[in-house]
């Protein structure tokens, strides 16, 4: 208790709290933090410069058109994706055999949608158990009947 009184007397005499914070420690911590930020900044800036100056190696894809060994690397993603979409569109918009021996053919998707719109979808085969709608209706009826 006498220590609290002594601190109060010193603070009163100085006109401020003398034991609140170590200003020198805070200042040195701030300086150390700024130095670490500067070091990290210049280190990352240097690494960024190293990585942006690198150019892709010509050894990845042969330029003379010779087939490469497996695995083949993708050189032009945009062109390859365009080719894929063209191939898929040609399949979706053309007639063709899926399995000639079984008599399964492929028709254009627009024609298939027209056929489904005209004929409708086939009824689902009868299966064991109840449908979701039947189960919901039974549940609703059971809840209504319970007081």
Protein backbone atom coordinates (compact mmCIF):
# COMPACT_ATOMS: atom_id res chain seq x y z
CA UNK A 1 0.00 0.00 0.00
CA UNK A 2 2.84 2.33 0.73
CA UNK A 3 4.21 1.59 -2.77
CA UNK A 4 0.97 2.77 -4.37
CA UNK A 5 1.20 5.97 -2.36
CA UNK A 6 4.84 6.46 -3.43
CA UNK A 7 3.93 6.07 -7.11
CA UNK A 8 1.11 8.50 -6.72
CA UNK A 9 3.36 11.03 -5.05
CA UNK A 10 5.97 10.73 -7.85
CA UNK A 11 3.31 11.06 -10.53
CA UNK A 12 1.79 14.05 -8.83
CA UNK A 13 5.19 15.69 -8.50
CA UNK A 14 6.06 15.04 -12.17
CA UNK A 15 2.62 16.07 -13.40
CA UNK A 16 2.10 12.80 -15.33
CA UNK A 17 2.19 9.03 -14.88
CA UNK A 18 5.85 8.07 -14.87
CA UNK A 19 5.47 4.27 -14.86
CA UNK A 20 2.83 3.88 -17.57
CA UNK A 21 4.89 3.06 -20.66
CA UNK A 22 8.50 2.71 -21.70
CA UNK A 23 8.69 5.22 -24.55
CA UNK A 24 12.24 4.21 -25.51
CA UNK A 25 11.17 0.54 -25.90
CA UNK A 26 8.21 1.52 -28.07
CA UNK A 27 10.42 3.73 -30.24
CA UNK A 28 13.02 0.98 -30.74
CA UNK A 29 10.24 -1.51 -31.59
CA UNK A 30 8.88 0.91 -34.20
CA UNK A 31 12.35 1.37 -35.70
CA UNK A 32 12.93 -2.39 -35.82
CA UNK A 33 9.53 -2.90 -37.47
CA UNK A 34 10.29 -0.29 -40.12
CA UNK A 35 13.67 -1.89 -40.84
CA UNK A 36 12.05 -5.33 -41.23
CA UNK A 37 9.41 -3.91 -43.57
CA UNK A 38 12.10 -2.22 -45.69
CA UNK A 39 14.18 -5.41 -45.87
CA UNK A 40 11.15 -7.49 -46.88
CA UNK A 41 10.09 -4.88 -49.43
CA UNK A 42 13.44 -4.85 -51.20
CA UNK A 43 13.80 -8.64 -51.00
CA UNK A 44 10.38 -9.21 -52.56
CA UNK A 45 10.99 -6.50 -55.15
CA UNK A 46 14.22 -8.24 -56.15
CA UNK A 47 12.51 -11.63 -56.40
CA UNK A 48 9.72 -10.14 -58.47
CA UNK A 49 12.32 -8.71 -60.84
CA UNK A 50 14.06 -12.08 -61.13
CA UNK A 51 10.84 -13.94 -61.91
CA UNK A 52 9.44 -11.39 -64.35
CA UNK A 53 12.68 -11.30 -66.33
CA UNK A 54 12.49 -15.03 -67.01
CA UNK A 55 11.15 -15.97 -70.40
CA UNK A 56 9.58 -19.32 -71.24
CA UNK A 57 12.06 -21.82 -72.50
CA UNK A 58 11.89 -22.84 -76.14
CA UNK A 59 12.69 -26.38 -75.06
CA UNK A 60 9.11 -26.85 -73.88
CA UNK A 61 7.50 -27.10 -77.30
CA UNK A 62 9.41 -27.96 -80.46
CA UNK A 63 9.05 -25.17 -83.03
CA UNK A 64 9.81 -27.29 -86.10
CA UNK A 65 6.46 -29.13 -85.99
CA UNK A 66 8.01 -32.47 -85.09
CA UNK A 67 5.85 -34.59 -82.80
CA UNK A 68 6.97 -34.42 -79.22
CA UNK A 69 7.38 -37.30 -76.86
CA UNK A 70 4.70 -38.03 -74.30
CA UNK A 71 3.36 -36.32 -72.28
CA UNK A 72 2.51 -33.63 -74.80
CA UNK A 73 2.41 -30.16 -73.32
CA UNK A 74 -0.31 -27.68 -74.13
CA UNK A 75 1.24 -24.73 -75.94
CA UNK A 76 -1.78 -22.64 -76.99
CA UNK A 77 -4.63 -23.11 -74.53
CA UNK A 78 -7.01 -20.69 -76.25
CA UNK A 79 -6.67 -22.36 -79.64
CA UNK A 80 -6.98 -25.83 -78.09
CA UNK A 81 -10.13 -24.81 -76.22
CA UNK A 82 -11.57 -23.37 -79.43
CA UNK A 83 -10.90 -26.66 -81.23
CA UNK A 84 -12.56 -28.58 -78.41
CA UNK A 85 -15.67 -26.38 -78.61
CA UNK A 86 -15.79 -26.76 -82.41
CA UNK A 87 -15.56 -30.54 -82.08
CA UNK A 88 -18.29 -30.63 -79.41
CA UNK A 89 -20.54 -28.34 -81.50
CA UNK A 90 -20.06 -30.56 -84.55
CA UNK A 91 -21.15 -33.59 -82.49
CA UNK A 92 -24.17 -31.76 -81.05
CA UNK A 93 -25.31 -30.47 -84.45
CA UNK A 94 -24.83 -33.47 -86.73
CA UNK A 95 -26.13 -36.94 -87.43
CA UNK A 96 -23.90 -39.94 -86.84
CA UNK A 97 -23.63 -43.47 -85.56
CA UNK A 98 -23.01 -44.05 -81.87
CA UNK A 99 -23.12 -47.85 -82.24
CA UNK A 100 -23.87 -49.08 -85.74
CA UNK A 101 -24.18 -52.75 -84.73
CA UNK A 102 -26.79 -51.93 -82.08
CA UNK A 103 -28.53 -49.42 -84.34
CA UNK A 104 -27.94 -46.42 -82.06
CA UNK A 105 -27.67 -43.07 -83.86
CA UNK A 106 -26.91 -39.51 -82.85
CA UNK A 107 -29.19 -36.69 -83.97
CA UNK A 108 -28.72 -32.90 -83.71
CA UNK A 109 -29.73 -31.50 -80.37
CA UNK A 110 -32.28 -29.09 -81.89
CA UNK A 111 -34.04 -32.00 -83.59
CA UNK A 112 -33.99 -34.01 -80.36
CA UNK A 113 -35.59 -31.12 -78.45
CA UNK A 114 -38.30 -30.84 -81.13
CA UNK A 115 -39.06 -34.56 -80.84
CA UNK A 116 -39.30 -34.37 -77.04
CA UNK A 117 -41.57 -31.31 -77.31
CA UNK A 118 -43.88 -33.15 -79.73
CA UNK A 119 -43.99 -36.56 -78.05
CA UNK A 120 -43.27 -35.68 -74.45
CA UNK A 121 -41.07 -37.60 -72.06
CA UNK A 122 -41.79 -41.26 -71.42
CA UNK A 123 -43.46 -42.16 -68.15
CA UNK A 124 -41.07 -43.41 -65.49
CA UNK A 125 -41.19 -47.16 -64.93
CA UNK A 126 -43.15 -48.26 -61.89
CA UNK A 127 -40.76 -48.88 -59.08
CA UNK A 128 -40.96 -50.23 -55.59
CA UNK A 129 -41.97 -47.85 -52.86
CA UNK A 130 -43.59 -44.44 -52.89
CA UNK A 131 -42.70 -41.28 -54.74
CA UNK A 132 -41.54 -38.18 -52.91
CA UNK A 133 -44.88 -36.51 -53.53
CA UNK A 134 -46.75 -39.44 -51.99
CA UNK A 135 -44.48 -39.41 -48.94
CA UNK A 136 -44.93 -35.64 -48.48
CA UNK A 137 -48.68 -35.96 -48.76
CA UNK A 138 -48.75 -38.76 -46.18
CA UNK A 139 -46.58 -36.72 -43.82
CA UNK A 140 -48.81 -33.66 -44.19
CA UNK A 141 -51.95 -35.77 -43.57
CA UNK A 142 -50.37 -37.38 -40.50
CA UNK A 143 -49.44 -33.99 -39.04
CA UNK A 144 -52.96 -32.68 -39.61
CA UNK A 145 -54.57 -35.65 -37.90
CA UNK A 146 -52.42 -35.37 -34.77
CA UNK A 147 -53.78 -32.83 -32.23
